[in-house]
Amino acid sequence: MKKLFAAFMLILLITGCSGGGSYTDVSVDEAKELIDSGEAQVLDVRTLMNLQQDIFQEQN
């Protein structure tokens, strides 16, 4: 399981450093407009953090 987690983190690091992407902090109203218009992709990073916590708790 540790090897799987290490591989996952390596892939995450590689894709995160690939460049070409960017992020912008926006208000809730601006985010709603962007989502509705299809101009942006929204990623809720809390989901990934919760997954990592669940994996850690299962291992310990």
N, C-alpha and C. Protein backbone atom coordinates (compact mmCIF):
# COMPACT_ATOMS: atom_id res chain seq x y z
N MET A 1 0.82 -1.19 0.00
CA MET A 1 0.00 0.00 0.00
C MET A 1 0.87 1.25 0.00
N LYS A 2 2.02 1.19 0.70
CA LYS A 2 2.92 2.34 0.72
C LYS A 2 3.48 2.61 -0.67
N LYS A 3 3.76 1.55 -1.42
CA LYS A 3 4.28 1.73 -2.78
C LYS A 3 3.23 2.37 -3.67
N LEU A 4 1.99 1.98 -3.50
CA LEU A 4 0.90 2.56 -4.28
C LEU A 4 0.75 4.04 -3.96
N PHE A 5 0.81 4.38 -2.69
CA PHE A 5 0.70 5.78 -2.28
C PHE A 5 1.89 6.58 -2.81
N ALA A 6 3.09 6.01 -2.75
CA ALA A 6 4.29 6.69 -3.26
C ALA A 6 4.18 6.92 -4.76
N ALA A 7 3.69 5.92 -5.49
CA ALA A 7 3.51 6.06 -6.93
C ALA A 7 2.48 7.13 -7.24
N PHE A 8 1.41 7.15 -6.49
CA PHE A 8 0.36 8.16 -6.67
C PHE A 8 0.92 9.56 -6.44
N MET A 9 1.70 9.72 -5.39
CA MET A 9 2.27 11.03 -5.07
C MET A 9 3.28 11.45 -6.15
N LEU A 10 4.05 10.51 -6.69
CA LEU A 10 5.00 10.81 -7.75
C LEU A 10 4.27 11.29 -9.00
N ILE A 11 3.21 10.60 -9.36
CA ILE A 11 2.42 11.00 -10.53
C ILE A 11 1.82 12.38 -10.29
N LEU A 12 1.33 12.62 -9.10
CA LEU A 12 0.76 13.93 -8.76
C LEU A 12 1.82 15.02 -8.88
N LEU A 13 3.02 14.75 -8.41
CA LEU A 13 4.11 15.71 -8.49
C LEU A 13 4.48 16.00 -9.94
N ILE A 14 4.59 14.96 -10.74
CA ILE A 14 4.97 15.13 -12.14
C ILE A 14 3.92 15.93 -12.90
N THR A 15 2.66 15.60 -12.71
CA THR A 15 1.61 16.32 -13.42
C THR A 15 1.46 17.74 -12.89
N GLY A 16 1.72 17.95 -11.63
CA GLY A 16 1.63 19.29 -11.07
C GLY A 16 2.72 20.20 -11.55
N CYS A 17 3.85 19.64 -11.92
CA CYS A 17 4.99 20.43 -12.39
C CYS A 17 5.06 20.52 -13.90
N SER A 18 4.05 20.04 -14.59
CA SER A 18 4.10 19.98 -16.04
C SER A 18 3.89 21.34 -16.69
N GLY A 19 3.41 22.33 -15.95
CA GLY A 19 3.22 23.66 -16.50
C GLY A 19 1.99 23.74 -17.37
N GLY A 20 1.77 24.91 -17.92
CA GLY A 20 0.65 25.09 -18.82
C GLY A 20 -0.66 25.36 -18.11
N GLY A 21 -0.78 25.01 -16.86
CA GLY A 21 -2.00 25.26 -16.12
C GLY A 21 -1.83 26.44 -15.20
N SER A 22 -2.94 26.94 -14.78
CA SER A 22 -2.89 28.05 -13.83
C SER A 22 -4.14 28.03 -12.98
N TYR A 23 -4.11 28.80 -11.93
CA TYR A 23 -5.30 28.92 -11.10
C TYR A 23 -5.51 30.38 -10.76
N THR A 24 -6.73 30.70 -10.45
CA THR A 24 -7.10 32.06 -10.08
C THR A 24 -8.11 31.98 -8.95
N ASP A 25 -7.89 32.76 -7.92
CA ASP A 25 -8.88 32.84 -6.85
C ASP A 25 -10.03 33.72 -7.32
N VAL A 26 -11.23 33.20 -7.21
CA VAL A 26 -12.42 33.95 -7.61
C VAL A 26 -13.45 33.88 -6.51
N SER A 27 -14.38 34.80 -6.55
CA SER A 27 -15.46 34.79 -5.57
C SER A 27 -16.45 33.68 -5.93
N VAL A 28 -17.35 33.41 -5.03
CA VAL A 28 -18.36 32.37 -5.26
C VAL A 28 -19.22 32.74 -6.46
N ASP A 29 -19.61 34.00 -6.56
CA ASP A 29 -20.45 34.43 -7.67
C ASP A 29 -19.72 34.30 -9.01
N GLU A 30 -18.44 34.69 -9.03
CA GLU A 30 -17.66 34.56 -10.26
C GLU A 30 -17.49 33.09 -10.64
N ALA A 31 -17.27 32.25 -9.66
CA ALA A 31 -17.12 30.82 -9.92
C ALA A 31 -18.41 30.25 -10.51
N LYS A 32 -19.53 30.64 -9.97
CA LYS A 32 -20.83 30.17 -10.48
C LYS A 32 -20.99 30.56 -11.94
N GLU A 33 -20.64 31.80 -12.28
CA GLU A 33 -20.75 32.26 -13.67
C GLU A 33 -19.82 31.46 -14.59
N LEU A 34 -18.59 31.21 -14.14
CA LEU A 34 -17.65 30.45 -14.95
C LEU A 34 -18.12 29.02 -15.17
N ILE A 35 -18.65 28.41 -14.13
CA ILE A 35 -19.15 27.04 -14.24
C ILE A 35 -20.33 26.98 -15.20
N ASP A 36 -21.26 27.91 -15.02
CA ASP A 36 -22.46 27.91 -15.87
C ASP A 36 -22.12 28.16 -17.34
N SER A 37 -21.11 29.00 -17.60
CA SER A 37 -20.75 29.32 -18.98
C SER A 37 -19.86 28.26 -19.61
N GLY A 38 -19.28 27.37 -18.80
CA GLY A 38 -18.39 26.33 -19.31
C GLY A 38 -16.99 26.83 -19.62
N GLU A 39 -16.64 28.02 -19.14
CA GLU A 39 -15.33 28.60 -19.42
C GLU A 39 -14.22 28.05 -18.54
N ALA A 40 -14.57 27.33 -17.50
CA ALA A 40 -13.54 26.89 -16.56
C ALA A 40 -13.86 25.50 -16.05
N GLN A 41 -12.81 24.81 -15.63
CA GLN A 41 -12.96 23.54 -14.93
C GLN A 41 -12.70 23.80 -13.46
N VAL A 42 -13.54 23.25 -12.61
CA VAL A 42 -13.41 23.48 -11.18
C VAL A 42 -12.93 22.20 -10.52
N LEU A 43 -11.89 22.32 -9.72
CA LEU A 43 -11.33 21.19 -9.00
C LEU A 43 -11.42 21.47 -7.52
N ASP A 44 -12.12 20.61 -6.80
CA ASP A 44 -12.23 20.74 -5.35
C ASP A 44 -11.13 19.88 -4.73
N VAL A 45 -10.06 20.53 -4.29
CA VAL A 45 -8.91 19.79 -3.78
C VAL A 45 -9.17 19.15 -2.43
N ARG A 46 -10.24 19.54 -1.77
CA ARG A 46 -10.55 18.92 -0.48
C ARG A 46 -10.83 17.44 -0.66
N THR A 47 -11.35 17.03 -1.80
CA THR A 47 -11.64 15.63 -2.06
C THR A 47 -10.36 14.81 -2.02
N LEU A 48 -9.29 15.27 -2.65
CA LEU A 48 -8.02 14.57 -2.65
C LEU A 48 -7.45 14.50 -1.24
N MET A 49 -7.56 15.57 -0.49
CA MET A 49 -7.04 15.59 0.87
C MET A 49 -7.79 14.59 1.74
N ASN A 50 -9.10 14.49 1.57
CA ASN A 50 -9.89 13.53 2.34
C ASN A 50 -9.50 12.10 1.98
N LEU A 51 -9.23 11.85 0.70
CA LEU A 51 -8.81 10.52 0.26
C LEU A 51 -7.48 10.15 0.90
N GLN A 52 -6.54 11.09 0.93
CA GLN A 52 -5.24 10.83 1.54
C GLN A 52 -5.39 10.54 3.03
N GLN A 53 -6.26 11.27 3.71
CA GLN A 53 -6.48 11.03 5.14
C GLN A 53 -7.09 9.66 5.37
N ASP A 54 -8.04 9.27 4.52
CA ASP A 54 -8.66 7.95 4.65
C ASP A 54 -7.63 6.84 4.46
N ILE A 55 -6.76 6.99 3.47
CA ILE A 55 -5.72 5.99 3.22
C ILE A 55 -4.79 5.90 4.41
N PHE A 56 -4.39 7.05 4.95
CA PHE A 56 -3.49 7.07 6.10
C PHE A 56 -4.12 6.39 7.30
N GLN A 57 -5.40 6.66 7.55
CA GLN A 57 -6.08 6.06 8.70
C GLN A 57 -6.22 4.55 8.54
N GLU A 58 -6.44 4.09 7.31
CA GLU A 58 -6.55 2.65 7.07
C GLU A 58 -5.22 1.94 7.33
N GLN A 59 -4.12 2.62 7.04
CA GLN A 59 -2.81 2.01 7.20
C GLN A 59 -2.37 1.98 8.66
N ASN A 60 -2.90 2.86 9.47
CA ASN A 60 -2.46 2.94 10.88
C ASN A 60 -3.52 2.48 11.83
